[in-house]
N, C-alpha and C. Protein backbone atom coordinates (compact mmCIF):
# COMPACT_ATOMS: atom_id res chain seq x y z
N MET A 1 -40.67 29.28 51.38
CA MET A 1 -39.36 29.53 50.80
C MET A 1 -39.30 31.01 50.42
N ASP A 2 -38.30 31.70 50.90
CA ASP A 2 -38.18 33.14 50.68
C ASP A 2 -37.22 33.51 49.56
N ASN A 3 -36.34 32.59 49.17
CA ASN A 3 -35.32 32.87 48.16
C ASN A 3 -35.30 31.75 47.13
N PHE A 4 -35.61 32.09 45.88
CA PHE A 4 -35.64 31.08 44.82
C PHE A 4 -35.71 31.77 43.47
N ALA A 5 -35.57 30.99 42.42
CA ALA A 5 -35.77 31.47 41.05
C ALA A 5 -36.81 30.58 40.38
N ALA A 6 -37.94 31.17 40.03
CA ALA A 6 -38.98 30.44 39.31
C ALA A 6 -38.65 30.50 37.83
N ILE A 7 -38.74 29.34 37.17
CA ILE A 7 -38.32 29.25 35.76
C ILE A 7 -39.38 28.51 34.95
N ASP A 8 -39.50 28.93 33.69
CA ASP A 8 -40.43 28.25 32.79
C ASP A 8 -39.82 28.23 31.39
N PHE A 9 -39.95 27.10 30.73
CA PHE A 9 -39.50 26.93 29.36
C PHE A 9 -40.68 26.63 28.45
N GLU A 10 -40.60 27.10 27.22
CA GLU A 10 -41.50 26.67 26.16
C GLU A 10 -40.62 26.00 25.11
N THR A 11 -41.16 24.99 24.45
CA THR A 11 -40.38 24.24 23.45
C THR A 11 -41.02 24.33 22.07
N ALA A 12 -40.19 24.19 21.06
CA ALA A 12 -40.63 24.29 19.67
C ALA A 12 -41.28 23.00 19.17
N ASN A 13 -40.87 21.88 19.75
CA ASN A 13 -41.37 20.58 19.30
C ASN A 13 -41.28 19.60 20.47
N GLY A 14 -41.40 18.34 20.21
CA GLY A 14 -41.40 17.34 21.27
C GLY A 14 -40.05 17.05 21.89
N GLN A 15 -38.99 17.58 21.32
CA GLN A 15 -37.65 17.36 21.87
C GLN A 15 -37.40 18.33 23.03
N ARG A 16 -36.90 17.81 24.13
CA ARG A 16 -36.64 18.65 25.30
C ARG A 16 -35.57 19.71 25.03
N THR A 17 -34.71 19.47 24.05
CA THR A 17 -33.67 20.44 23.72
C THR A 17 -34.20 21.60 22.87
N SER A 18 -35.44 21.53 22.45
CA SER A 18 -35.98 22.54 21.53
C SER A 18 -36.55 23.76 22.26
N VAL A 19 -35.90 24.14 23.35
CA VAL A 19 -36.33 25.30 24.12
C VAL A 19 -36.34 26.52 23.19
N CYS A 20 -37.50 27.20 23.13
CA CYS A 20 -37.62 28.38 22.26
C CYS A 20 -37.88 29.66 23.04
N SER A 21 -38.16 29.53 24.34
CA SER A 21 -38.26 30.71 25.20
C SER A 21 -38.08 30.30 26.64
N VAL A 22 -37.63 31.27 27.44
CA VAL A 22 -37.44 31.04 28.86
C VAL A 22 -37.90 32.28 29.62
N GLY A 23 -38.52 32.05 30.76
CA GLY A 23 -38.88 33.13 31.67
C GLY A 23 -38.32 32.81 33.03
N LEU A 24 -37.83 33.83 33.72
CA LEU A 24 -37.21 33.66 35.03
C LEU A 24 -37.66 34.78 35.95
N ILE A 25 -38.07 34.43 37.14
CA ILE A 25 -38.41 35.39 38.19
C ILE A 25 -37.53 35.07 39.38
N VAL A 26 -36.73 36.04 39.83
CA VAL A 26 -35.84 35.85 40.96
C VAL A 26 -36.48 36.49 42.20
N VAL A 27 -36.61 35.69 43.24
CA VAL A 27 -37.23 36.13 44.49
C VAL A 27 -36.21 36.04 45.62
N ARG A 28 -36.03 37.15 46.31
CA ARG A 28 -35.16 37.19 47.49
C ARG A 28 -35.93 37.84 48.63
N ASP A 29 -35.88 37.20 49.79
CA ASP A 29 -36.63 37.68 50.95
C ASP A 29 -38.10 37.91 50.59
N ASN A 30 -38.63 37.00 49.78
CA ASN A 30 -40.04 36.99 49.37
C ASN A 30 -40.43 38.20 48.52
N ILE A 31 -39.46 38.84 47.88
CA ILE A 31 -39.71 39.98 47.01
C ILE A 31 -39.09 39.68 45.64
N VAL A 32 -39.84 39.96 44.59
CA VAL A 32 -39.30 39.80 43.24
C VAL A 32 -38.24 40.89 43.03
N VAL A 33 -37.01 40.45 42.80
CA VAL A 33 -35.90 41.39 42.63
C VAL A 33 -35.37 41.44 41.20
N ASP A 34 -35.73 40.45 40.39
CA ASP A 34 -35.25 40.44 39.01
C ASP A 34 -36.17 39.56 38.19
N GLN A 35 -36.22 39.86 36.91
CA GLN A 35 -36.93 39.01 35.97
C GLN A 35 -36.19 39.02 34.65
N PHE A 36 -36.39 37.94 33.89
CA PHE A 36 -35.67 37.80 32.63
C PHE A 36 -36.54 37.00 31.67
N TYR A 37 -36.54 37.44 30.42
CA TYR A 37 -37.25 36.70 29.37
C TYR A 37 -36.41 36.75 28.10
N SER A 38 -36.38 35.65 27.40
CA SER A 38 -35.70 35.63 26.11
C SER A 38 -36.32 34.58 25.21
N LEU A 39 -36.39 34.91 23.93
CA LEU A 39 -36.62 33.90 22.91
C LEU A 39 -35.30 33.19 22.70
N ILE A 40 -35.35 31.94 22.26
CA ILE A 40 -34.15 31.12 22.07
C ILE A 40 -34.27 30.40 20.73
N HIS A 41 -33.19 30.35 20.00
CA HIS A 41 -33.17 29.59 18.76
C HIS A 41 -33.13 28.10 19.14
N PRO A 42 -34.20 27.35 18.82
CA PRO A 42 -34.29 25.96 19.30
C PRO A 42 -33.37 25.00 18.56
N GLU A 43 -33.11 23.88 19.24
CA GLU A 43 -32.32 22.79 18.64
C GLU A 43 -33.02 21.48 19.00
N PRO A 44 -33.56 20.74 18.09
CA PRO A 44 -33.53 20.97 16.66
C PRO A 44 -34.45 22.13 16.26
N ASP A 45 -34.13 22.74 15.15
CA ASP A 45 -34.78 23.96 14.71
C ASP A 45 -35.97 23.69 13.80
N TYR A 46 -37.04 23.20 14.41
CA TYR A 46 -38.32 23.09 13.70
C TYR A 46 -39.43 23.21 14.73
N TYR A 47 -40.58 23.65 14.28
CA TYR A 47 -41.73 23.86 15.17
C TYR A 47 -42.85 22.92 14.81
N SER A 48 -43.39 22.25 15.81
CA SER A 48 -44.56 21.42 15.57
C SER A 48 -45.81 22.29 15.70
N TYR A 49 -46.80 21.94 14.92
CA TYR A 49 -48.06 22.68 14.91
C TYR A 49 -48.65 22.76 16.31
N GLN A 50 -48.63 21.65 17.05
CA GLN A 50 -49.21 21.62 18.39
C GLN A 50 -48.52 22.61 19.33
N ASN A 51 -47.21 22.69 19.26
CA ASN A 51 -46.48 23.61 20.13
C ASN A 51 -46.78 25.07 19.78
N ILE A 52 -46.85 25.36 18.50
CA ILE A 52 -47.20 26.72 18.08
C ILE A 52 -48.58 27.08 18.60
N GLN A 53 -49.52 26.14 18.53
CA GLN A 53 -50.88 26.39 19.03
C GLN A 53 -50.87 26.71 20.52
N VAL A 54 -49.96 26.12 21.26
CA VAL A 54 -49.90 26.34 22.71
C VAL A 54 -49.33 27.72 23.03
N HIS A 55 -48.17 28.05 22.48
CA HIS A 55 -47.49 29.28 22.91
C HIS A 55 -47.43 30.37 21.86
N GLY A 56 -47.71 30.07 20.61
CA GLY A 56 -47.74 31.08 19.56
C GLY A 56 -46.39 31.49 19.02
N ILE A 57 -45.31 30.86 19.47
CA ILE A 57 -43.97 31.19 18.98
C ILE A 57 -43.70 30.40 17.71
N THR A 58 -43.13 31.05 16.71
CA THR A 58 -42.84 30.40 15.43
C THR A 58 -41.36 30.53 15.07
N ALA A 59 -40.96 29.84 14.03
CA ALA A 59 -39.58 29.91 13.55
C ALA A 59 -39.19 31.34 13.18
N ASP A 60 -40.12 32.11 12.63
CA ASP A 60 -39.83 33.51 12.31
C ASP A 60 -39.46 34.30 13.56
N ASP A 61 -40.09 33.97 14.69
CA ASP A 61 -39.83 34.69 15.94
C ASP A 61 -38.43 34.42 16.47
N THR A 62 -37.93 33.21 16.27
CA THR A 62 -36.65 32.82 16.89
C THR A 62 -35.49 32.72 15.90
N ARG A 63 -35.74 33.00 14.65
CA ARG A 63 -34.72 32.84 13.61
C ARG A 63 -33.40 33.52 13.99
N ASN A 64 -33.44 34.71 14.52
CA ASN A 64 -32.23 35.46 14.85
C ASN A 64 -31.96 35.52 16.35
N SER A 65 -32.60 34.65 17.11
CA SER A 65 -32.43 34.63 18.56
C SER A 65 -31.16 33.89 18.95
N PRO A 66 -30.63 34.19 20.14
CA PRO A 66 -29.45 33.47 20.61
C PRO A 66 -29.80 32.02 20.93
N ASN A 67 -28.77 31.15 20.95
CA ASN A 67 -29.01 29.76 21.31
C ASN A 67 -29.09 29.61 22.84
N PHE A 68 -29.41 28.42 23.28
CA PHE A 68 -29.58 28.18 24.71
C PHE A 68 -28.34 28.55 25.51
N LYS A 69 -27.18 28.13 25.03
CA LYS A 69 -25.94 28.38 25.77
C LYS A 69 -25.71 29.88 25.97
N GLU A 70 -25.96 30.66 24.94
CA GLU A 70 -25.79 32.11 25.04
C GLU A 70 -26.77 32.72 26.04
N VAL A 71 -28.00 32.25 26.02
CA VAL A 71 -29.01 32.77 26.95
C VAL A 71 -28.69 32.34 28.38
N TRP A 72 -28.25 31.09 28.54
CA TRP A 72 -27.96 30.61 29.90
C TRP A 72 -26.81 31.40 30.53
N GLN A 73 -25.89 31.87 29.74
CA GLN A 73 -24.80 32.70 30.28
C GLN A 73 -25.33 33.99 30.89
N LEU A 74 -26.49 34.45 30.43
CA LEU A 74 -27.13 35.64 31.01
C LEU A 74 -27.95 35.28 32.25
N ILE A 75 -28.52 34.08 32.25
CA ILE A 75 -29.38 33.64 33.36
C ILE A 75 -28.57 33.21 34.58
N GLU A 76 -27.51 32.47 34.34
CA GLU A 76 -26.75 31.85 35.44
C GLU A 76 -26.36 32.83 36.55
N PRO A 77 -25.84 34.02 36.24
CA PRO A 77 -25.49 34.94 37.33
C PRO A 77 -26.71 35.44 38.13
N LYS A 78 -27.87 35.47 37.49
CA LYS A 78 -29.08 35.90 38.17
C LYS A 78 -29.52 34.86 39.20
N ILE A 79 -29.30 33.59 38.88
CA ILE A 79 -29.70 32.50 39.77
C ILE A 79 -28.75 32.37 40.95
N GLY A 80 -27.45 32.50 40.67
CA GLY A 80 -26.48 32.31 41.75
C GLY A 80 -26.67 30.93 42.34
N GLY A 81 -26.77 30.83 43.63
CA GLY A 81 -26.96 29.55 44.30
C GLY A 81 -28.41 29.28 44.68
N LEU A 82 -29.33 30.02 44.09
CA LEU A 82 -30.74 29.86 44.46
C LEU A 82 -31.31 28.53 43.97
N PRO A 83 -32.24 27.96 44.73
CA PRO A 83 -32.97 26.79 44.20
C PRO A 83 -33.90 27.24 43.07
N LEU A 84 -34.15 26.34 42.15
CA LEU A 84 -35.08 26.60 41.06
C LEU A 84 -36.45 26.03 41.40
N VAL A 85 -37.48 26.68 40.89
CA VAL A 85 -38.85 26.26 41.12
C VAL A 85 -39.58 26.29 39.78
N ALA A 86 -40.36 25.25 39.52
CA ALA A 86 -41.17 25.20 38.30
C ALA A 86 -42.50 24.54 38.60
N HIS A 87 -43.50 24.86 37.82
CA HIS A 87 -44.79 24.19 37.93
C HIS A 87 -44.74 23.03 36.94
N ASN A 88 -44.61 21.85 37.45
CA ASN A 88 -44.31 20.62 36.71
C ASN A 88 -42.82 20.58 36.40
N LYS A 89 -42.05 20.47 37.45
CA LYS A 89 -40.59 20.47 37.32
C LYS A 89 -40.09 19.35 36.43
N ALA A 90 -40.83 18.26 36.32
CA ALA A 90 -40.39 17.15 35.47
C ALA A 90 -40.13 17.64 34.05
N PHE A 91 -40.98 18.51 33.55
CA PHE A 91 -40.79 19.05 32.20
C PHE A 91 -39.64 20.05 32.16
N ASP A 92 -39.70 21.07 33.02
CA ASP A 92 -38.71 22.15 32.94
C ASP A 92 -37.30 21.67 33.29
N GLU A 93 -37.19 20.81 34.29
CA GLU A 93 -35.88 20.29 34.65
C GLU A 93 -35.32 19.41 33.53
N SER A 94 -36.19 18.63 32.88
CA SER A 94 -35.70 17.79 31.78
C SER A 94 -35.25 18.65 30.59
N CYS A 95 -35.93 19.75 30.34
CA CYS A 95 -35.49 20.67 29.28
C CYS A 95 -34.12 21.26 29.62
N LEU A 96 -33.96 21.66 30.86
CA LEU A 96 -32.70 22.25 31.29
C LEU A 96 -31.55 21.25 31.16
N LYS A 97 -31.75 20.06 31.69
CA LYS A 97 -30.69 19.04 31.62
C LYS A 97 -30.37 18.64 30.19
N ALA A 98 -31.40 18.45 29.37
CA ALA A 98 -31.18 18.06 27.97
C ALA A 98 -30.42 19.15 27.21
N SER A 99 -30.74 20.40 27.49
CA SER A 99 -30.07 21.51 26.81
C SER A 99 -28.62 21.62 27.26
N PHE A 100 -28.36 21.39 28.54
CA PHE A 100 -26.97 21.39 29.02
C PHE A 100 -26.17 20.31 28.29
N ILE A 101 -26.75 19.13 28.15
CA ILE A 101 -26.06 18.03 27.45
C ILE A 101 -25.84 18.40 25.98
N MET A 102 -26.88 18.93 25.34
CA MET A 102 -26.81 19.29 23.92
C MET A 102 -25.65 20.26 23.65
N TYR A 103 -25.44 21.19 24.56
CA TYR A 103 -24.41 22.21 24.34
C TYR A 103 -23.10 21.89 25.06
N GLY A 104 -22.96 20.68 25.59
CA GLY A 104 -21.72 20.26 26.23
C GLY A 104 -21.38 21.05 27.48
N MET A 105 -22.40 21.48 28.20
CA MET A 105 -22.21 22.28 29.40
C MET A 105 -22.27 21.37 30.63
N ASP A 106 -21.51 21.70 31.66
CA ASP A 106 -21.55 20.95 32.92
C ASP A 106 -22.77 21.38 33.72
N TYR A 107 -23.65 20.41 34.00
CA TYR A 107 -24.87 20.72 34.76
C TYR A 107 -24.53 20.84 36.24
N PRO A 108 -24.87 21.97 36.88
CA PRO A 108 -24.48 22.18 38.28
C PRO A 108 -25.39 21.51 39.30
N ASP A 109 -26.24 20.59 38.89
CA ASP A 109 -27.12 19.86 39.80
C ASP A 109 -27.96 20.81 40.66
N TYR A 110 -28.73 21.64 39.98
CA TYR A 110 -29.58 22.61 40.66
C TYR A 110 -30.57 21.92 41.60
N GLU A 111 -30.78 22.52 42.74
CA GLU A 111 -31.87 22.11 43.64
C GLU A 111 -33.16 22.58 42.97
N PHE A 112 -34.11 21.66 42.76
CA PHE A 112 -35.30 21.97 41.96
C PHE A 112 -36.55 21.59 42.75
N TYR A 113 -37.51 22.49 42.85
CA TYR A 113 -38.78 22.23 43.54
C TYR A 113 -39.93 22.32 42.55
N CYS A 114 -41.01 21.62 42.87
CA CYS A 114 -42.17 21.55 41.97
C CYS A 114 -43.42 22.09 42.66
N THR A 115 -43.95 23.20 42.15
CA THR A 115 -45.18 23.75 42.73
C THR A 115 -46.39 22.90 42.37
N TYR A 116 -46.35 22.21 41.24
CA TYR A 116 -47.46 21.33 40.86
C TYR A 116 -47.61 20.20 41.87
N GLN A 117 -46.52 19.48 42.14
CA GLN A 117 -46.58 18.36 43.08
C GLN A 117 -46.95 18.84 44.49
N THR A 118 -46.37 19.96 44.90
CA THR A 118 -46.64 20.47 46.23
C THR A 118 -48.09 20.92 46.35
N ALA A 119 -48.62 21.58 45.34
CA ALA A 119 -50.02 22.01 45.37
C ALA A 119 -50.96 20.82 45.47
N ARG A 120 -50.67 19.76 44.74
CA ARG A 120 -51.52 18.55 44.82
C ARG A 120 -51.56 17.97 46.23
N LYS A 121 -50.44 18.08 46.94
CA LYS A 121 -50.37 17.55 48.30
C LYS A 121 -51.02 18.48 49.32
N GLN A 122 -50.87 19.79 49.13
CA GLN A 122 -51.27 20.74 50.17
C GLN A 122 -52.64 21.37 49.98
N ILE A 123 -53.13 21.45 48.75
CA ILE A 123 -54.39 22.14 48.49
C ILE A 123 -55.41 21.11 48.03
N LYS A 124 -56.49 21.01 48.76
CA LYS A 124 -57.53 20.04 48.40
C LYS A 124 -58.74 20.76 47.80
N GLY A 125 -59.39 20.08 46.88
CA GLY A 125 -60.65 20.58 46.36
C GLY A 125 -60.58 21.42 45.10
N LEU A 126 -59.41 21.60 44.52
CA LEU A 126 -59.34 22.34 43.26
C LEU A 126 -59.82 21.44 42.13
N PRO A 127 -60.41 22.01 41.09
CA PRO A 127 -60.87 21.17 39.97
C PRO A 127 -59.71 20.51 39.22
N ASN A 128 -58.55 21.15 39.24
CA ASN A 128 -57.32 20.61 38.65
C ASN A 128 -56.16 21.37 39.27
N TYR A 129 -54.97 21.00 38.92
CA TYR A 129 -53.78 21.64 39.50
C TYR A 129 -52.91 22.29 38.43
N GLN A 130 -53.57 22.71 37.35
CA GLN A 130 -52.87 23.43 36.30
C GLN A 130 -52.40 24.78 36.84
N LEU A 131 -51.41 25.33 36.19
CA LEU A 131 -50.80 26.57 36.64
C LEU A 131 -51.82 27.69 36.84
N GLN A 132 -52.70 27.89 35.88
CA GLN A 132 -53.67 28.98 35.99
C GLN A 132 -54.65 28.76 37.14
N THR A 133 -54.98 27.52 37.42
CA THR A 133 -55.92 27.22 38.50
C THR A 133 -55.29 27.45 39.86
N VAL A 134 -54.08 26.95 40.05
CA VAL A 134 -53.41 27.10 41.34
C VAL A 134 -53.02 28.55 41.58
N SER A 135 -52.54 29.23 40.57
CA SER A 135 -52.17 30.64 40.77
C SER A 135 -53.42 31.48 41.06
N ALA A 136 -54.55 31.17 40.44
CA ALA A 136 -55.80 31.88 40.73
C ALA A 136 -56.23 31.65 42.18
N TYR A 137 -56.00 30.46 42.69
CA TYR A 137 -56.30 30.14 44.09
C TYR A 137 -55.58 31.11 45.03
N PHE A 138 -54.39 31.55 44.62
CA PHE A 138 -53.60 32.49 45.42
C PHE A 138 -53.78 33.94 44.96
N GLY A 139 -54.80 34.19 44.12
CA GLY A 139 -55.14 35.55 43.74
C GLY A 139 -54.40 36.12 42.54
N TYR A 140 -53.69 35.27 41.81
CA TYR A 140 -52.93 35.73 40.65
C TYR A 140 -53.71 35.45 39.38
N ASP A 141 -53.94 36.46 38.57
CA ASP A 141 -54.66 36.31 37.31
C ASP A 141 -53.66 36.10 36.17
N LEU A 142 -53.50 34.87 35.75
CA LEU A 142 -52.55 34.51 34.69
C LEU A 142 -53.19 34.82 33.34
N LYS A 143 -52.85 35.98 32.80
CA LYS A 143 -53.49 36.44 31.56
C LYS A 143 -52.80 35.92 30.31
N GLN A 144 -51.52 35.62 30.37
CA GLN A 144 -50.77 35.18 29.19
C GLN A 144 -50.20 33.78 29.40
N HIS A 145 -51.09 32.85 29.72
CA HIS A 145 -50.63 31.48 29.95
C HIS A 145 -49.83 30.98 28.74
N HIS A 146 -48.72 30.32 29.02
CA HIS A 146 -47.76 29.79 28.05
C HIS A 146 -46.84 30.86 27.47
N HIS A 147 -46.85 32.05 28.04
CA HIS A 147 -45.75 32.99 27.81
C HIS A 147 -44.81 32.69 28.97
N ALA A 148 -43.56 32.36 28.68
CA ALA A 148 -42.65 31.84 29.71
C ALA A 148 -42.49 32.78 30.90
N LEU A 149 -42.45 34.08 30.68
CA LEU A 149 -42.28 35.00 31.81
C LEU A 149 -43.55 35.06 32.65
N ALA A 150 -44.71 35.08 32.02
CA ALA A 150 -45.98 35.09 32.77
C ALA A 150 -46.13 33.80 33.58
N ASP A 151 -45.77 32.67 32.97
CA ASP A 151 -45.86 31.40 33.69
C ASP A 151 -44.87 31.35 34.86
N ALA A 152 -43.67 31.88 34.68
CA ALA A 152 -42.69 31.92 35.78
C ALA A 152 -43.20 32.81 36.90
N ALA A 153 -43.85 33.92 36.55
CA ALA A 153 -44.40 34.82 37.57
C ALA A 153 -45.52 34.13 38.36
N ALA A 154 -46.38 33.40 37.67
CA ALA A 154 -47.44 32.65 38.35
C ALA A 154 -46.85 31.59 39.26
N CYS A 155 -45.84 30.91 38.79
CA CYS A 155 -45.15 29.90 39.59
C CYS A 155 -44.54 30.53 40.84
N ALA A 156 -43.96 31.71 40.70
CA ALA A 156 -43.35 32.40 41.84
C ALA A 156 -44.39 32.74 42.90
N VAL A 157 -45.57 33.15 42.47
CA VAL A 157 -46.65 33.44 43.42
C VAL A 157 -47.02 32.16 44.20
N ILE A 158 -47.17 31.07 43.47
CA ILE A 158 -47.51 29.80 44.12
C ILE A 158 -46.40 29.39 45.09
N ALA A 159 -45.17 29.43 44.63
CA ALA A 159 -44.03 29.02 45.47
C ALA A 159 -43.95 29.85 46.74
N SER A 160 -44.20 31.14 46.64
CA SER A 160 -44.15 32.03 47.82
C SER A 160 -45.20 31.64 48.85
N ASN A 161 -46.25 30.98 48.40
CA ASN A 161 -47.34 30.60 49.31
C ASN A 161 -47.27 29.18 49.83
N ILE A 162 -46.62 28.27 49.11
CA ILE A 162 -46.68 26.86 49.53
C ILE A 162 -45.34 26.18 49.77
N LEU A 163 -44.25 26.80 49.39
CA LEU A 163 -42.95 26.15 49.61
C LEU A 163 -42.26 26.75 50.82
């Protein structure tokens, strides 16, 4: 796949609507042409200890951040009609759909691909199929795992090689 937008969300708690950051990498003709990162004020607005341990984002970080709807208005023109790609699309797509519902937005039924599922089918012999493992297989050193932009960049590398 030569044209796509790799996306990654981090959440504040167990609710899919609690998106607290997003990373986006836009690829056209197999070249990264744009990237975007934003913190997001989550809904509901509380952080679970486990989520903070994963990504390090706290309520202090997002207190004055825009909400999902405001951030999506910046992302949508970057995506255009591109398919979306995520590593474990079940999570990221569910966050996207839940947030659209939460803010009363019409979901445009994005075409969504999963690098996790595809890697499991196409690459044999890896110890696991976590983002850092699969991206390392393709030569990408994921130094800031669970930073949404770094994770989207790793996903884009994988997608460029297997989709």
